[in-house]
Amino acid sequence: MYAIIRTGGKQYQVACGDQVRVEKLDGNVGDTIDLNDVLMVVDGEEIKVGQPVLENAKVTAKIAEQGRAKKIIVFKKKRRTGYRLRRGHRQSYTALKIEAISA
């Protein structure tokens, strides 16, 4: 059994026991959250597709980690003008451990 969920403007395929990194969500490590934007649930041969979301479907997950990703360097340059810009960015994320899928 797996589900397609939407969070942080992205879509993820999750199954029970999976750990997935999503855009930062509020909460502390160990908190349980419900994800209600479930787009599709597949259980063996049975497929349920929402338009756009399934009513009364939810995915229960536990926050496993709150962190920040590795730094990326953003470098801009224009030739012959002396314009150089160097910046770093670290994106915040939340690691979720999927516990249950209910349709």
PDB file of N, CA and C in Angstrom:
ATOM      1  N   MET A   1       0.846  -1.182   0.000  1.00  0.00           N
ATOM      2  CA  MET A   1       0.000   0.000   0.000  1.00  0.00           C
ATOM      3  C   MET A   1       0.883   1.235   0.000  1.00  0.00           C
ATOM      4  N   TYR A   2       0.567   2.170  -0.884  1.00  0.00           N
ATOM      5  CA  TYR A   2       1.294   3.431  -0.897  1.00  0.00           C
ATOM      6  C   TYR A   2       0.340   4.558  -1.246  1.00  0.00           C
ATOM      7  N   ALA A   3       0.805   5.785  -1.015  1.00  0.00           N
ATOM      8  CA  ALA A   3      -0.014   6.966  -1.263  1.00  0.00           C
ATOM      9  C   ALA A   3       0.838   8.042  -1.907  1.00  0.00           C
ATOM     10  N   ILE A   4       0.169   8.932  -2.633  1.00  0.00           N
ATOM     11  CA  ILE A   4       0.805  10.124  -3.177  1.00  0.00           C
ATOM     12  C   ILE A   4       0.286  11.302  -2.362  1.00  0.00           C
ATOM     13  N   ILE A   5       1.202  12.022  -1.705  1.00  0.00           N
ATOM     14  CA  ILE A   5       0.809  13.157  -0.868  1.00  0.00           C
ATOM     15  C   ILE A   5       1.400  14.436  -1.441  1.00  0.00           C
ATOM     16  N   ARG A   6       0.808  15.566  -1.031  1.00  0.00           N
ATOM     17  CA  ARG A   6       1.289  16.877  -1.462  1.00  0.00           C
ATOM     18  C   ARG A   6       1.589  17.694  -0.219  1.00  0.00           C
ATOM     19  N   THR A   7       2.823  18.185  -0.129  1.00  0.00           N
ATOM     20  CA  THR A   7       3.207  19.065   0.967  1.00  0.00           C
ATOM     21  C   THR A   7       4.363  19.939   0.501  1.00  0.00           C
ATOM     22  N   GLY A   8       4.343  21.184   0.887  1.00  0.00           N
ATOM     23  CA  GLY A   8       5.411  22.107   0.518  1.00  0.00           C
ATOM     24  C   GLY A   8       5.495  22.382  -0.967  1.00  0.00           C
ATOM     25  N   GLY A   9       4.371  22.249  -1.689  1.00  0.00           N
ATOM     26  CA  GLY A   9       4.372  22.503  -3.117  1.00  0.00           C
ATOM     27  C   GLY A   9       4.948  21.380  -3.951  1.00  0.00           C
ATOM     28  N   LYS A  10       5.216  20.227  -3.343  1.00  0.00           N
ATOM     29  CA  LYS A  10       5.768  19.081  -4.054  1.00  0.00           C
ATOM     30  C   LYS A  10       4.916  17.852  -3.762  1.00  0.00           C
ATOM     31  N   GLN A  11       5.070  16.828  -4.589  1.00  0.00           N
ATOM     32  CA  GLN A  11       4.344  15.578  -4.404  1.00  0.00           C
ATOM     33  C   GLN A  11       5.333  14.461  -4.098  1.00  0.00           C
ATOM     34  N   TYR A  12       4.949  13.571  -3.175  1.00  0.00           N
ATOM     35  CA  TYR A  12       5.813  12.482  -2.741  1.00  0.00           C
ATOM     36  C   TYR A  12       5.034  11.176  -2.741  1.00  0.00           C
ATOM     37  N   GLN A  13       5.697  10.088  -3.130  1.00  0.00           N
ATOM     38  CA  GLN A  13       5.114   8.761  -3.015  1.00  0.00           C
ATOM     39  C   GLN A  13       5.641   8.154  -1.726  1.00  0.00           C
ATOM     40  N   VAL A  14       4.722   7.772  -0.821  1.00  0.00           N
ATOM     41  CA  VAL A  14       5.120   7.256   0.483  1.00  0.00           C
ATOM     42  C   VAL A  14       4.419   5.942   0.767  1.00  0.00           C
ATOM     43  N   ALA A  15       5.075   5.102   1.546  1.00  0.00           N
ATOM     44  CA  ALA A  15       4.505   3.847   2.029  1.00  0.00           C
ATOM     45  C   ALA A  15       4.795   3.763   3.526  1.00  0.00           C
ATOM     46  N   CYS A  16       4.118   2.864   4.217  1.00  0.00           N
ATOM     47  CA  CYS A  16       4.337   2.721   5.659  1.00  0.00           C
ATOM     48  C   CYS A  16       5.788   2.317   5.919  1.00  0.00           C
ATOM     49  N   GLY A  17       6.418   2.984   6.874  1.00  0.00           N
ATOM     50  CA  GLY A  17       7.806   2.693   7.220  1.00  0.00           C
ATOM     51  C   GLY A  17       8.824   3.540   6.472  1.00  0.00           C
ATOM     52  N   ASP A  18       8.403   4.273   5.462  1.00  0.00           N
ATOM     53  CA  ASP A  18       9.324   5.116   4.703  1.00  0.00           C
ATOM     54  C   ASP A  18       9.734   6.340   5.514  1.00  0.00           C
ATOM     55  N   GLN A  19      10.915   6.868   5.205  1.00  0.00           N
ATOM     56  CA  GLN A  19      11.342   8.145   5.752  1.00  0.00           C
ATOM     57  C   GLN A  19      11.571   9.085   4.576  1.00  0.00           C
ATOM     58  N   VAL A  20      10.943  10.256   4.626  1.00  0.00           N
ATOM     59  CA  VAL A  20      10.990  11.188   3.511  1.00  0.00           C
ATOM     60  C   VAL A  20      11.323  12.577   4.040  1.00  0.00           C
ATOM     61  N   ARG A  21      12.159  13.318   3.283  1.00  0.00           N
ATOM     62  CA  ARG A  21      12.492  14.702   3.633  1.00  0.00           C
ATOM     63  C   ARG A  21      11.581  15.641   2.865  1.00  0.00           C
ATOM     64  N   VAL A  22      10.868  16.493   3.593  1.00  0.00           N
ATOM     65  CA  VAL A  22       9.952  17.446   2.979  1.00  0.00           C
ATOM     66  C   VAL A  22      10.364  18.853   3.392  1.00  0.00           C
ATOM     67  N   GLU A  23       9.722  19.858   2.778  1.00  0.00           N
ATOM     68  CA  GLU A  23       9.975  21.238   3.179  1.00  0.00           C
ATOM     69  C   GLU A  23       9.604  21.403   4.650  1.00  0.00           C
ATOM     70  N   LYS A  24      10.221  22.349   5.318  1.00  0.00           N
ATOM     71  CA  LYS A  24      10.084  22.511   6.765  1.00  0.00           C
ATOM     72  C   LYS A  24       8.631  22.620   7.210  1.00  0.00           C
ATOM     73  N   LEU A  25       8.271  21.815   8.221  1.00  0.00           N
ATOM     74  CA  LEU A  25       6.959  21.852   8.858  1.00  0.00           C
ATOM     75  C   LEU A  25       7.148  22.222  10.325  1.00  0.00           C
ATOM     76  N   ASP A  26       6.154  22.888  10.907  1.00  0.00           N
ATOM     77  CA  ASP A  26       6.223  23.242  12.319  1.00  0.00           C
ATOM     78  C   ASP A  26       6.068  21.997  13.180  1.00  0.00           C
ATOM     79  N   GLY A  27       6.806  21.948  14.276  1.00  0.00           N
ATOM     80  CA  GLY A  27       6.722  20.825  15.205  1.00  0.00           C
ATOM     81  C   GLY A  27       8.092  20.451  15.718  1.00  0.00           C
ATOM     82  N   ASN A  28       8.075  19.652  16.778  1.00  0.00           N
ATOM     83  CA  ASN A  28       9.311  19.183  17.392  1.00  0.00           C
ATOM     84  C   ASN A  28       9.539  17.722  17.042  1.00  0.00           C
ATOM     85  N   VAL A  29      10.775  17.264  17.238  1.00  0.00           N
ATOM     86  CA  VAL A  29      11.105  15.869  16.976  1.00  0.00           C
ATOM     87  C   VAL A  29      10.280  14.984  17.905  1.00  0.00           C
ATOM     88  N   GLY A  30       9.626  13.979  17.324  1.00  0.00           N
ATOM     89  CA  GLY A  30       8.783  13.073  18.094  1.00  0.00           C
ATOM     90  C   GLY A  30       7.293  13.388  17.986  1.00  0.00           C
ATOM     91  N   ASP A  31       6.948  14.568  17.494  1.00  0.00           N
ATOM     92  CA  ASP A  31       5.532  14.925  17.324  1.00  0.00           C
ATOM     93  C   ASP A  31       4.927  14.116  16.175  1.00  0.00           C
ATOM     94  N   THR A  32       3.629  13.858  16.288  1.00  0.00           N
ATOM     95  CA  THR A  32       2.885  13.172  15.240  1.00  0.00           C
ATOM     96  C   THR A  32       2.056  14.190  14.483  1.00  0.00           C
ATOM     97  N   ILE A  33       2.097  14.124  13.155  1.00  0.00           N
ATOM     98  CA  ILE A  33       1.312  15.044  12.339  1.00  0.00           C
ATOM     99  C   ILE A  33       0.491  14.250  11.330  1.00  0.00           C
ATOM    100  N   ASP A  34      -0.626  14.833  10.909  1.00  0.00           N
ATOM    101  CA  ASP A  34      -1.484  14.237   9.896  1.00  0.00           C
ATOM    102  C   ASP A  34      -1.359  15.043   8.619  1.00  0.00           C
ATOM    103  N   LEU A  35      -1.100  14.362   7.513  1.00  0.00           N
ATOM    104  CA  LEU A  35      -1.036  14.996   6.197  1.00  0.00           C
ATOM    105  C   LEU A  35      -2.347  14.692   5.488  1.00  0.00           C
ATOM    106  N   ASN A  36      -3.144  15.732   5.236  1.00  0.00           N
ATOM    107  CA  ASN A  36      -4.485  15.549   4.685  1.00  0.00           C
ATOM    108  C   ASN A  36      -4.567  15.738   3.184  1.00  0.00           C
ATOM    109  N   ASP A  37      -3.515  16.257   2.545  1.00  0.00           N
ATOM    110  CA  ASP A  37      -3.522  16.424   1.095  1.00  0.00           C
ATOM    111  C   ASP A  37      -3.066  15.123   0.439  1.00  0.00           C
ATOM    112  N   VAL A  38      -3.956  14.130   0.439  1.00  0.00           N
ATOM    113  CA  VAL A  38      -3.667  12.831  -0.158  1.00  0.00           C
ATOM    114  C   VAL A  38      -4.295  12.817  -1.545  1.00  0.00           C
ATOM    115  N   LEU A  39      -3.458  12.672  -2.576  1.00  0.00           N
ATOM    116  CA  LEU A  39      -3.933  12.725  -3.952  1.00  0.00           C
ATOM    117  C   LEU A  39      -4.357  11.366  -4.485  1.00  0.00           C
ATOM    118  N   MET A  40      -3.688  10.292  -4.030  1.00  0.00           N
ATOM    119  CA  MET A  40      -4.002   8.955  -4.521  1.00  0.00           C
ATOM    120  C   MET A  40      -3.570   7.918  -3.500  1.00  0.00           C
ATOM    121  N   VAL A  41      -4.357   6.836  -3.394  1.00  0.00           N
ATOM    122  CA  VAL A  41      -4.010   5.716  -2.528  1.00  0.00           C
ATOM    123  C   VAL A  41      -4.121   4.442  -3.346  1.00  0.00           C
ATOM    124  N   VAL A  42      -3.078   3.617  -3.311  1.00  0.00           N
ATOM    125  CA  VAL A  42      -3.062   2.342  -4.022  1.00  0.00           C
ATOM    126  C   VAL A  42      -2.914   1.239  -2.981  1.00  0.00           C
ATOM    127  N   ASP A  43      -3.901   0.309  -2.983  1.00  0.00           N
ATOM    128  CA  ASP A  43      -3.886  -0.825  -2.050  1.00  0.00           C
ATOM    129  C   ASP A  43      -4.064  -2.096  -2.865  1.00  0.00           C
ATOM    130  N   GLY A  44      -2.960  -2.689  -3.295  1.00  0.00           N
ATOM    131  CA  GLY A  44      -3.026  -3.881  -4.137  1.00  0.00           C
ATOM    132  C   GLY A  44      -3.599  -3.541  -5.500  1.00  0.00           C
ATOM    133  N   GLU A  45      -4.744  -4.121  -5.822  1.00  0.00           N
ATOM    134  CA  GLU A  45      -5.408  -3.849  -7.101  1.00  0.00           C
ATOM    135  C   GLU A  45      -6.362  -2.660  -7.010  1.00  0.00           C
ATOM    136  N   GLU A  46      -6.671  -2.210  -5.802  1.00  0.00           N
ATOM    137  CA  GLU A  46      -7.621  -1.109  -5.611  1.00  0.00           C
ATOM    138  C   GLU A  46      -6.883   0.230  -5.665  1.00  0.00           C
ATOM    139  N   ILE A  47      -7.346   1.106  -6.550  1.00  0.00           N
ATOM    140  CA  ILE A  47      -6.740   2.425  -6.720  1.00  0.00           C
ATOM    141  C   ILE A  47      -7.804   3.479  -6.495  1.00  0.00           C
ATOM    142  N   LYS A  48      -7.513   4.418  -5.593  1.00  0.00           N
ATOM    143  CA  LYS A  48      -8.413   5.539  -5.345  1.00  0.00           C
ATOM    144  C   LYS A  48      -7.698   6.822  -5.734  1.00  0.00           C
ATOM    145  N   VAL A  49      -8.332   7.598  -6.614  1.00  0.00           N
ATOM    146  CA  VAL A  49      -7.744   8.845  -7.088  1.00  0.00           C
ATOM    147  C   VAL A  49      -8.667   9.983  -6.719  1.00  0.00           C
ATOM    148  N   GLY A  50      -8.122  11.042  -6.122  1.00  0.00           N
ATOM    149  CA  GLY A  50      -8.915  12.194  -5.740  1.00  0.00           C
ATOM    150  C   GLY A  50      -8.972  13.225  -6.851  1.00  0.00           C
ATOM    151  N   GLN A  51      -9.919  14.151  -6.694  1.00  0.00           N
ATOM    152  CA  GLN A  51     -10.067  15.221  -7.683  1.00  0.00           C
ATOM    153  C   GLN A  51     -10.193  16.554  -6.986  1.00  0.00           C
ATOM    154  N   PRO A  52      -9.172  17.217  -6.531  1.00  0.00           N
ATOM    155  CA  PRO A  52      -7.774  16.805  -6.587  1.00  0.00           C
ATOM    156  C   PRO A  52      -7.336  15.974  -5.384  1.00  0.00           C
ATOM    157  N   VAL A  53      -8.042  16.061  -4.230  1.00  0.00           N
ATOM    158  CA  VAL A  53      -7.634  15.292  -3.050  1.00  0.00           C
ATOM    159  C   VAL A  53      -8.739  14.325  -2.665  1.00  0.00           C
ATOM    160  N   LEU A  54      -8.341  13.259  -1.944  1.00  0.00           N
ATOM    161  CA  LEU A  54      -9.305  12.291  -1.442  1.00  0.00           C
ATOM    162  C   LEU A  54      -9.916  12.798  -0.147  1.00  0.00           C
ATOM    163  N   GLU A  55     -11.228  12.697  -0.048  1.00  0.00           N
ATOM    164  CA  GLU A  55     -11.914  13.064   1.193  1.00  0.00           C
ATOM    165  C   GLU A  55     -11.697  11.951   2.221  1.00  0.00           C
ATOM    166  N   ASN A  56     -11.544  12.315   3.479  1.00  0.00           N
ATOM    167  CA  ASN A  56     -11.396  11.381   4.604  1.00  0.00           C
ATOM    168  C   ASN A  56     -10.157  10.493   4.502  1.00  0.00           C
ATOM    169  N   ALA A  57      -9.186  10.874   3.696  1.00  0.00           N
ATOM    170  CA  ALA A  57      -7.933  10.122   3.614  1.00  0.00           C
ATOM    171  C   ALA A  57      -6.846  10.932   4.305  1.00  0.00           C
ATOM    172  N   LYS A  58      -5.983  10.248   5.031  1.00  0.00           N
ATOM    173  CA  LYS A  58      -4.880  10.942   5.681  1.00  0.00           C
ATOM    174  C   LYS A  58      -3.696  10.012   5.850  1.00  0.00           C
ATOM    175  N   VAL A  59      -2.533  10.623   5.938  1.00  0.00           N
ATOM    176  CA  VAL A  59      -1.292   9.906   6.194  1.00  0.00           C
ATOM    177  C   VAL A  59      -0.753  10.403   7.521  1.00  0.00           C
ATOM    178  N   THR A  60      -0.514   9.476   8.442  1.00  0.00           N
ATOM    179  CA  THR A  60       0.012   9.823   9.756  1.00  0.00           C
ATOM    180  C   THR A  60       1.524   9.615   9.753  1.00  0.00           C
ATOM    181  N   ALA A  61       2.249  10.637  10.206  1.00  0.00           N
ATOM    182  CA  ALA A  61       3.711  10.571  10.200  1.00  0.00           C
ATOM    183  C   ALA A  61       4.253  11.141  11.507  1.00  0.00           C
ATOM    184  N   LYS A  62       5.448  10.708  11.853  1.00  0.00           N
ATOM    185  CA  LYS A  62       6.136  11.214  13.040  1.00  0.00           C
ATOM    186  C   LYS A  62       7.354  11.998  12.580  1.00  0.00           C
ATOM    187  N   ILE A  63       7.601  13.140  13.210  1.00  0.00           N
ATOM    188  CA  ILE A  63       8.758  13.954  12.861  1.00  0.00           C
ATOM    189  C   ILE A  63      10.007  13.273  13.411  1.00  0.00           C
ATOM    190  N   ALA A  64      10.890  12.854  12.498  1.00  0.00           N
ATOM    191  CA  ALA A  64      12.109  12.162  12.884  1.00  0.00           C
ATOM    192  C   ALA A  64      13.274  13.124  13.063  1.00  0.00           C
ATOM    193  N   GLU A  65      13.262  14.230  12.304  1.00  0.00           N
ATOM    194  CA  GLU A  65      14.402  15.151  12.348  1.00  0.00           C
ATOM    195  C   GLU A  65      13.994  16.507  11.795  1.00  0.00           C
ATOM    196  N   GLN A  66      14.526  17.559  12.393  1.00  0.00           N
ATOM    197  CA  GLN A  66      14.426  18.912  11.858  1.00  0.00           C
ATOM    198  C   GLN A  66      15.854  19.346  11.558  1.00  0.00           C
ATOM    199  N   GLY A  67      16.118  19.749  10.340  1.00  0.00           N
ATOM    200  CA  GLY A  67      17.501  20.090  10.028  1.00  0.00           C
ATOM    201  C   GLY A  67      17.620  21.020   8.848  1.00  0.00           C
ATOM    202  N   ARG A  68      18.870  21.206   8.430  1.00  0.00           N
ATOM    203  CA  ARG A  68      19.169  22.038   7.274  1.00  0.00           C
ATOM    204  C   ARG A  68      20.075  21.246   6.346  1.00  0.00           C
ATOM    205  N   ALA A  69      19.832  21.380   5.058  1.00  0.00           N
ATOM    206  CA  ALA A  69      20.592  20.640   4.048  1.00  0.00           C
ATOM    207  C   ALA A  69      22.000  21.219   3.907  1.00  0.00           C
ATOM    208  N   LYS A  70      22.811  20.566   3.095  1.00  0.00           N
ATOM    209  CA  LYS A  70      24.163  21.048   2.830  1.00  0.00           C
ATOM    210  C   LYS A  70      24.107  22.393   2.123  1.00  0.00           C
ATOM    211  N   LYS A  71      25.146  23.189   2.320  1.00  0.00           N
ATOM    212  CA  LYS A  71      25.198  24.512   1.709  1.00  0.00           C
ATOM    213  C   LYS A  71      25.456  24.397   0.211  1.00  0.00           C
ATOM    214  N   ILE A  72      24.705  25.198  -0.540  1.00  0.00           N
ATOM    215  CA  ILE A  72      24.985  25.330  -1.966  1.00  0.00           C
ATOM    216  C   ILE A  72      25.508  26.743  -2.200  1.00  0.00           C
ATOM    217  N   ILE A  73      26.366  26.886  -3.172  1.00  0.00           N
ATOM    218  CA  ILE A  73      26.950  28.179  -3.493  1.00  0.00           C
ATOM    219  C   ILE A  73      26.227  28.745  -4.712  1.00  0.00           C
ATOM    220  N   VAL A  74      25.754  29.978  -4.585  1.00  0.00           N
ATOM    221  CA  VAL A  74      25.115  30.686  -5.689  1.00  0.00           C
ATOM    222  C   VAL A  74      26.121  31.737  -6.152  1.00  0.00           C
ATOM    223  N   PHE A  75      26.620  31.584  -7.367  1.00  0.00           N
ATOM    224  CA  PHE A  75      27.652  32.472  -7.889  1.00  0.00           C
ATOM    225  C   PHE A  75      27.154  33.112  -9.168  1.00  0.00           C
ATOM    226  N   LYS A  76      27.165  34.442  -9.202  1.00  0.00           N
ATOM    227  CA  LYS A  76      26.747  35.183 -10.386  1.00  0.00           C
ATOM    228  C   LYS A  76      27.927  36.010 -10.884  1.00  0.00           C
ATOM    229  N   LYS A  77      28.023  36.139 -12.204  1.00  0.00           N
ATOM    230  CA  LYS A  77      29.116  36.915 -12.777  1.00  0.00           C
ATOM    231  C   LYS A  77      28.679  37.480 -14.114  1.00  0.00           C
ATOM    232  N   LYS A  78      29.085  38.718 -14.367  1.00  0.00           N
ATOM    233  CA  LYS A  78      28.898  39.317 -15.683  1.00  0.00           C
ATOM    234  C   LYS A  78      30.278  39.672 -16.210  1.00  0.00           C
ATOM    235  N   ARG A  79      30.534  39.298 -17.406  1.00  0.00           N
ATOM    236  CA  ARG A  79      31.873  39.476 -17.934  1.00  0.00           C
ATOM    237  C   ARG A  79      32.170  40.948 -18.233  1.00  0.00           C
ATOM    238  N   ARG A  80      33.423  41.280 -18.059  1.00  0.00           N
ATOM    239  CA  ARG A  80      33.988  42.597 -18.387  1.00  0.00           C
ATOM    240  C   ARG A  80      33.459  43.749 -17.531  1.00  0.00           C
ATOM    241  N   THR A  81      32.642  43.520 -16.547  1.00  0.00           N
ATOM    242  CA  THR A  81      32.115  44.628 -15.753  1.00  0.00           C
ATOM    243  C   THR A  81      32.608  44.602 -14.318  1.00  0.00           C
ATOM    244  N   GLY A  82      33.249  43.530 -13.922  1.00  0.00           N
ATOM    245  CA  GLY A  82      33.706  43.436 -12.551  1.00  0.00           C
ATOM    246  C   GLY A  82      32.609  42.994 -11.594  1.00  0.00           C
ATOM    247  N   TYR A  83      31.470  42.558 -12.126  1.00  0.00           N
ATOM    248  CA  TYR A  83      30.347  42.136 -11.290  1.00  0.00           C
ATOM    249  C   TYR A  83      30.503  40.674 -10.932  1.00  0.00           C
ATOM    250  N   ARG A  84      30.703  40.423  -9.637  1.00  0.00           N
ATOM    251  CA  ARG A  84      30.786  39.063  -9.114  1.00  0.00           C
ATOM    252  C   ARG A  84      30.022  39.018  -7.807  1.00  0.00           C
ATOM    253  N   LEU A  85      29.188  38.002  -7.646  1.00  0.00           N
ATOM    254  CA  LEU A  85      28.373  37.860  -6.446  1.00  0.00           C
ATOM    255  C   LEU A  85      28.426  36.415  -5.995  1.00  0.00           C
ATOM    256  N   ARG A  86      28.784  36.199  -4.749  1.00  0.00           N
ATOM    257  CA  ARG A  86      28.879  34.838  -4.209  1.00  0.00           C
ATOM    258  C   ARG A  86      28.042  34.762  -2.955  1.00  0.00           C
ATOM    259  N   ARG A  87      27.076  33.860  -2.952  1.00  0.00           N
ATOM    260  CA  ARG A  87      26.196  33.667  -1.802  1.00  0.00           C
ATOM    261  C   ARG A  87      26.044  32.185  -1.514  1.00  0.00           C
ATOM    262  N   GLY A  88      25.753  31.863  -0.265  1.00  0.00           N
ATOM    263  CA  GLY A  88      25.471  30.491   0.121  1.00  0.00           C
ATOM    264  C   GLY A  88      24.031  30.376   0.592  1.00  0.00           C
ATOM    265  N   HIS A  89      23.481  29.154   0.494  1.00  0.00           N
ATOM    266  CA  HIS A  89      22.108  28.920   0.932  1.00  0.00           C
ATOM    267  C   HIS A  89      22.007  27.523   1.527  1.00  0.00           C
ATOM    268  N   ARG A  90      21.313  27.428   2.669  1.00  0.00           N
ATOM    269  CA  ARG A  90      21.017  26.134   3.281  1.00  0.00           C
ATOM    270  C   ARG A  90      19.512  26.036   3.460  1.00  0.00           C
ATOM    271  N   GLN A  91      18.886  25.046   2.817  1.00  0.00           N
ATOM    272  CA  GLN A  91      17.445  24.871   2.867  1.00  0.00           C
ATOM    273  C   GLN A  91      17.062  24.081   4.111  1.00  0.00           C
ATOM    274  N   SER A  92      16.045  24.547   4.834  1.00  0.00           N
ATOM    275  CA  SER A  92      15.530  23.827   5.996  1.00  0.00           C
ATOM    276  C   SER A  92      14.628  22.687   5.542  1.00  0.00           C
ATOM    277  N   TYR A  93      14.661  21.575   6.286  1.00  0.00           N
ATOM    278  CA  TYR A  93      13.817  20.432   5.945  1.00  0.00           C
ATOM    279  C   TYR A  93      13.299  19.762   7.214  1.00  0.00           C
ATOM    280  N   THR A  94      12.290  18.919   7.032  1.00  0.00           N
ATOM    281  CA  THR A  94      11.744  18.083   8.084  1.00  0.00           C
ATOM    282  C   THR A  94      11.763  16.653   7.565  1.00  0.00           C
ATOM    283  N   ALA A  95      12.354  15.736   8.326  1.00  0.00           N
ATOM    284  CA  ALA A  95      12.355  14.315   7.957  1.00  0.00           C
ATOM    285  C   ALA A  95      11.160  13.672   8.649  1.00  0.00           C
ATOM    286  N   LEU A  96      10.313  13.013   7.860  1.00  0.00           N
ATOM    287  CA  LEU A  96       9.104  12.368   8.376  1.00  0.00           C
ATOM    288  C   LEU A  96       9.225  10.861   8.260  1.00  0.00           C
ATOM    289  N   LYS A  97       8.807  10.157   9.311  1.00  0.00           N
ATOM    290  CA  LYS A  97       8.718   8.687   9.299  1.00  0.00           C
ATOM    291  C   LYS A  97       7.235   8.349   9.154  1.00  0.00           C
ATOM    292  N   ILE A  98       6.861   7.715   8.046  1.00  0.00           N
ATOM    293  CA  ILE A  98       5.460   7.411   7.762  1.00  0.00           C
ATOM    294  C   ILE A  98       5.024   6.228   8.612  1.00  0.00           C
ATOM    295  N   GLU A  99       3.912   6.433   9.360  1.00  0.00           N
ATOM    296  CA  GLU A  99       3.429   5.398  10.259  1.00  0.00           C
ATOM    297  C   GLU A  99       2.182   4.696   9.753  1.00  0.00           C
ATOM    298  N   ALA A 100       1.222   5.447   9.181  1.00  0.00           N
ATOM    299  CA  ALA A 100      -0.029   4.819   8.757  1.00  0.00           C
ATOM    300  C   ALA A 100      -0.628   5.588   7.582  1.00  0.00           C
ATOM    301  N   ILE A 101      -1.329   4.826   6.735  1.00  0.00           N
ATOM    302  CA  ILE A 101      -2.064   5.410   5.614  1.00  0.00           C
ATOM    303  C   ILE A 101      -3.505   4.940   5.735  1.00  0.00           C
ATOM    304  N   SER A 102      -4.439   5.879   5.828  1.00  0.00           N
ATOM    305  CA  SER A 102      -5.844   5.500   5.901  1.00  0.00           C
ATOM    306  C   SER A 102      -6.607   6.171   4.761  1.00  0.00           C
ATOM    307  N   ALA A 103      -7.441   5.392   4.075  1.00  0.00           N
ATOM    308  CA  ALA A 103      -8.162   5.935   2.925  1.00  0.00           C
ATOM    309  C   ALA A 103      -9.647   6.018   3.211  1.00  0.00           C
TER     310      ALA A 103
END
